[in-house]
Amino acid sequence: MTYNIVAALRAWARTTGGCAVVALLQPTPEVFNQFDDLMLLREGAPVYHGRRDKAAEHFKSIGESSLSFLKFLKVSFLFMYGQLD
């Protein structure tokens, strides 16, 4: 069900050139991969804001496991855009 809702939001963003901001608790990998950008929070403070496909690289560059960002997915805002730069 969540996948279908997120897919519909993604289609809407692409069709209208709009932006959808979604807050999800522990999305499945299939749902997570539909998003363009992430804002990952820890205790209310942002620890990463950027492209979804660059999150693992960012955490690895600061000495964390490349999958460290996964622990923040329970408190995240996910973005999808109609037009990407």
N, C-alpha and C. Protein backbone atom coordinates (compact mmCIF):
# COMPACT_ATOMS: atom_id res chain seq x y z
N MET A 1 0.82 -1.19 0.00
CA MET A 1 0.00 0.00 0.00
C MET A 1 0.87 1.26 0.00
N THR A 2 1.87 1.32 0.89
CA THR A 2 2.74 2.49 0.95
C THR A 2 3.45 2.71 -0.37
N TYR A 3 3.93 1.62 -0.97
CA TYR A 3 4.61 1.73 -2.26
C TYR A 3 3.71 2.41 -3.29
N ASN A 4 2.45 2.01 -3.36
CA ASN A 4 1.52 2.58 -4.34
C ASN A 4 1.26 4.06 -4.09
N ILE A 5 1.14 4.44 -2.84
CA ILE A 5 0.91 5.85 -2.50
C ILE A 5 2.13 6.68 -2.90
N VAL A 6 3.33 6.19 -2.56
CA VAL A 6 4.55 6.92 -2.88
C VAL A 6 4.75 6.97 -4.40
N ALA A 7 4.45 5.89 -5.10
CA ALA A 7 4.55 5.88 -6.56
C ALA A 7 3.61 6.93 -7.17
N ALA A 8 2.42 7.06 -6.62
CA ALA A 8 1.47 8.06 -7.11
C ALA A 8 1.99 9.47 -6.85
N LEU A 9 2.58 9.70 -5.66
CA LEU A 9 3.16 11.01 -5.37
C LEU A 9 4.32 11.32 -6.31
N ARG A 10 5.15 10.31 -6.58
CA ARG A 10 6.27 10.50 -7.50
C ARG A 10 5.76 10.87 -8.90
N ALA A 11 4.74 10.16 -9.37
CA ALA A 11 4.16 10.45 -10.68
C ALA A 11 3.59 11.87 -10.71
N TRP A 12 2.92 12.26 -9.64
CA TRP A 12 2.37 13.61 -9.55
C TRP A 12 3.49 14.65 -9.62
N ALA A 13 4.56 14.45 -8.86
CA ALA A 13 5.68 15.40 -8.86
C ALA A 13 6.30 15.51 -10.24
N ARG A 14 6.48 14.39 -10.91
CA ARG A 14 7.07 14.39 -12.25
C ARG A 14 6.15 15.06 -13.27
N THR A 15 4.86 14.81 -13.16
CA THR A 15 3.89 15.35 -14.12
C THR A 15 3.71 16.86 -13.96
N THR A 16 3.65 17.32 -12.71
CA THR A 16 3.35 18.73 -12.46
C THR A 16 4.59 19.60 -12.28
N GLY A 17 5.77 18.97 -12.16
CA GLY A 17 6.97 19.74 -11.87
C GLY A 17 7.01 20.18 -10.42
N GLY A 18 6.21 19.51 -9.59
CA GLY A 18 6.11 19.87 -8.18
C GLY A 18 7.11 19.14 -7.31
N CYS A 19 6.94 19.31 -6.02
CA CYS A 19 7.81 18.68 -5.03
C CYS A 19 6.93 18.05 -3.95
N ALA A 20 7.22 16.81 -3.62
CA ALA A 20 6.50 16.13 -2.54
C ALA A 20 7.48 15.91 -1.40
N VAL A 21 7.07 16.29 -0.21
CA VAL A 21 7.87 16.06 0.99
C VAL A 21 7.09 15.07 1.84
N VAL A 22 7.74 13.95 2.17
CA VAL A 22 7.07 12.85 2.84
C VAL A 22 7.88 12.45 4.07
N ALA A 23 7.23 12.25 5.18
CA ALA A 23 7.90 11.72 6.38
C ALA A 23 7.41 10.29 6.56
N LEU A 24 8.36 9.35 6.59
CA LEU A 24 8.02 7.94 6.73
C LEU A 24 8.85 7.31 7.84
N LEU A 25 8.27 6.34 8.48
CA LEU A 25 9.00 5.56 9.47
C LEU A 25 9.47 4.27 8.83
N GLN A 26 10.75 4.06 8.81
CA GLN A 26 11.39 2.85 8.31
C GLN A 26 10.79 2.35 7.00
N PRO A 27 10.97 3.12 5.92
CA PRO A 27 10.43 2.68 4.63
C PRO A 27 11.16 1.43 4.13
N THR A 28 10.45 0.62 3.37
CA THR A 28 11.08 -0.55 2.75
C THR A 28 12.07 -0.06 1.69
N PRO A 29 13.02 -0.90 1.28
CA PRO A 29 13.97 -0.50 0.23
C PRO A 29 13.27 -0.06 -1.06
N GLU A 30 12.19 -0.73 -1.41
CA GLU A 30 11.47 -0.38 -2.64
C GLU A 30 10.86 1.02 -2.55
N VAL A 31 10.34 1.37 -1.40
CA VAL A 31 9.77 2.70 -1.19
C VAL A 31 10.91 3.73 -1.12
N PHE A 32 11.93 3.43 -0.35
CA PHE A 32 13.08 4.33 -0.18
C PHE A 32 13.70 4.71 -1.52
N ASN A 33 13.82 3.76 -2.42
CA ASN A 33 14.48 4.01 -3.71
C ASN A 33 13.68 4.89 -4.66
N GLN A 34 12.45 5.22 -4.31
CA GLN A 34 11.66 6.12 -5.15
C GLN A 34 11.98 7.60 -4.89
N PHE A 35 12.70 7.89 -3.81
CA PHE A 35 12.95 9.27 -3.44
C PHE A 35 14.23 9.82 -4.05
N ASP A 36 14.25 11.14 -4.22
CA ASP A 36 15.41 11.81 -4.79
C ASP A 36 16.37 12.30 -3.71
N ASP A 37 15.87 12.98 -2.70
CA ASP A 37 16.68 13.56 -1.64
C ASP A 37 16.22 13.07 -0.27
N LEU A 38 17.12 13.19 0.70
CA LEU A 38 16.83 12.79 2.07
C LEU A 38 17.19 13.90 3.03
N MET A 39 16.49 13.98 4.13
CA MET A 39 16.92 14.75 5.29
C MET A 39 16.84 13.77 6.46
N LEU A 40 17.99 13.37 6.96
CA LEU A 40 18.05 12.40 8.05
C LEU A 40 18.30 13.14 9.35
N LEU A 41 17.52 12.82 10.36
CA LEU A 41 17.59 13.51 11.65
C LEU A 41 18.03 12.57 12.75
N ARG A 42 18.72 13.15 13.73
CA ARG A 42 19.05 12.42 14.96
C ARG A 42 18.75 13.35 16.11
N GLU A 43 17.85 12.93 16.98
CA GLU A 43 17.41 13.76 18.10
C GLU A 43 16.99 15.15 17.63
N GLY A 44 16.31 15.20 16.50
CA GLY A 44 15.78 16.45 15.97
C GLY A 44 16.75 17.30 15.17
N ALA A 45 18.00 16.92 15.11
CA ALA A 45 19.01 17.70 14.37
C ALA A 45 19.38 16.97 13.08
N PRO A 46 19.54 17.71 11.98
CA PRO A 46 19.90 17.05 10.73
C PRO A 46 21.32 16.49 10.77
N VAL A 47 21.47 15.26 10.29
CA VAL A 47 22.79 14.65 10.17
C VAL A 47 23.16 14.44 8.70
N TYR A 48 22.19 14.54 7.83
CA TYR A 48 22.46 14.47 6.38
C TYR A 48 21.28 15.07 5.65
N HIS A 49 21.60 15.89 4.65
CA HIS A 49 20.59 16.41 3.74
C HIS A 49 21.21 16.44 2.36
N GLY A 50 20.68 15.64 1.47
CA GLY A 50 21.24 15.58 0.12
C GLY A 50 20.62 14.46 -0.68
N ARG A 51 21.27 14.16 -1.79
CA ARG A 51 20.79 13.14 -2.71
C ARG A 51 20.77 11.77 -2.04
N ARG A 52 19.71 11.02 -2.29
CA ARG A 52 19.59 9.67 -1.75
C ARG A 52 20.76 8.81 -2.19
N ASP A 53 21.12 8.91 -3.45
CA ASP A 53 22.18 8.04 -3.97
C ASP A 53 23.58 8.43 -3.51
N LYS A 54 23.72 9.53 -2.78
CA LYS A 54 25.02 9.97 -2.26
C LYS A 54 25.14 9.77 -0.75
N ALA A 55 24.10 9.31 -0.09
CA ALA A 55 24.11 9.18 1.38
C ALA A 55 25.18 8.22 1.86
N ALA A 56 25.26 7.04 1.27
CA ALA A 56 26.26 6.05 1.69
C ALA A 56 27.67 6.60 1.52
N GLU A 57 27.92 7.27 0.41
CA GLU A 57 29.23 7.88 0.14
C GLU A 57 29.57 8.93 1.19
N HIS A 58 28.60 9.75 1.56
CA HIS A 58 28.82 10.79 2.58
C HIS A 58 29.23 10.17 3.91
N PHE A 59 28.48 9.19 4.38
CA PHE A 59 28.79 8.59 5.68
C PHE A 59 30.14 7.88 5.65
N LYS A 60 30.47 7.26 4.54
CA LYS A 60 31.78 6.62 4.41
C LYS A 60 32.89 7.66 4.47
N SER A 61 32.68 8.84 3.87
CA SER A 61 33.71 9.89 3.85
C SER A 61 33.98 10.49 5.23
N ILE A 62 33.05 10.33 6.16
CA ILE A 62 33.28 10.85 7.52
C ILE A 62 33.63 9.74 8.50
N GLY A 63 34.02 8.58 7.94
CA GLY A 63 34.51 7.50 8.78
C GLY A 63 33.46 6.57 9.34
N GLU A 64 32.25 6.68 8.87
CA GLU A 64 31.18 5.78 9.30
C GLU A 64 31.02 4.66 8.27
N SER A 65 30.33 3.63 8.66
CA SER A 65 29.97 2.58 7.71
C SER A 65 29.15 3.21 6.60
N SER A 66 29.35 2.74 5.39
CA SER A 66 28.60 3.32 4.27
C SER A 66 27.10 3.11 4.41
N LEU A 67 26.69 2.22 5.30
CA LEU A 67 25.27 1.98 5.53
C LEU A 67 24.77 2.62 6.83
N SER A 68 25.60 3.47 7.46
CA SER A 68 25.21 4.11 8.72
C SER A 68 23.91 4.90 8.60
N PHE A 69 23.66 5.46 7.44
CA PHE A 69 22.47 6.29 7.28
C PHE A 69 21.19 5.49 7.47
N LEU A 70 21.25 4.18 7.32
CA LEU A 70 20.04 3.37 7.47
C LEU A 70 19.43 3.48 8.86
N LYS A 71 20.27 3.69 9.89
CA LYS A 71 19.73 3.79 11.24
C LYS A 71 18.91 5.07 11.45
N PHE A 72 19.06 6.03 10.54
CA PHE A 72 18.32 7.28 10.67
C PHE A 72 16.99 7.25 9.93
N LEU A 73 16.72 6.20 9.19
CA LEU A 73 15.51 6.16 8.38
C LEU A 73 14.23 6.14 9.21
N LYS A 74 14.34 5.86 10.48
CA LYS A 74 13.12 5.89 11.28
C LYS A 74 12.70 7.31 11.62
N VAL A 75 13.56 8.29 11.38
CA VAL A 75 13.23 9.69 11.60
C VAL A 75 13.75 10.50 10.42
N SER A 76 13.06 10.39 9.29
CA SER A 76 13.57 11.03 8.09
C SER A 76 12.46 11.71 7.31
N PHE A 77 12.89 12.70 6.55
CA PHE A 77 12.00 13.34 5.58
C PHE A 77 12.58 13.00 4.21
N LEU A 78 11.73 12.62 3.31
CA LEU A 78 12.15 12.18 2.00
C LEU A 78 11.50 13.08 0.96
N PHE A 79 12.27 13.45 -0.05
CA PHE A 79 11.81 14.40 -1.05
C PHE A 79 11.82 13.78 -2.44
N MET A 80 10.86 14.16 -3.26
CA MET A 80 10.87 13.80 -4.67
C MET A 80 10.49 15.05 -5.45
N TYR A 81 11.10 15.20 -6.60
CA TYR A 81 10.95 16.41 -7.39
C TYR A 81 10.47 16.10 -8.80
N GLY A 82 9.76 17.08 -9.36
CA GLY A 82 9.32 16.96 -10.73
C GLY A 82 10.43 17.23 -11.72
N GLN A 83 11.35 18.12 -11.36
CA GLN A 83 12.47 18.45 -12.24
C GLN A 83 13.74 18.38 -11.42
N LEU A 84 14.72 17.67 -11.94
CA LEU A 84 16.00 17.55 -11.24
C LEU A 84 17.06 18.32 -11.97
N ASP A 85 17.98 18.90 -11.22
CA ASP A 85 19.10 19.63 -11.84
C ASP A 85 20.09 18.68 -12.47
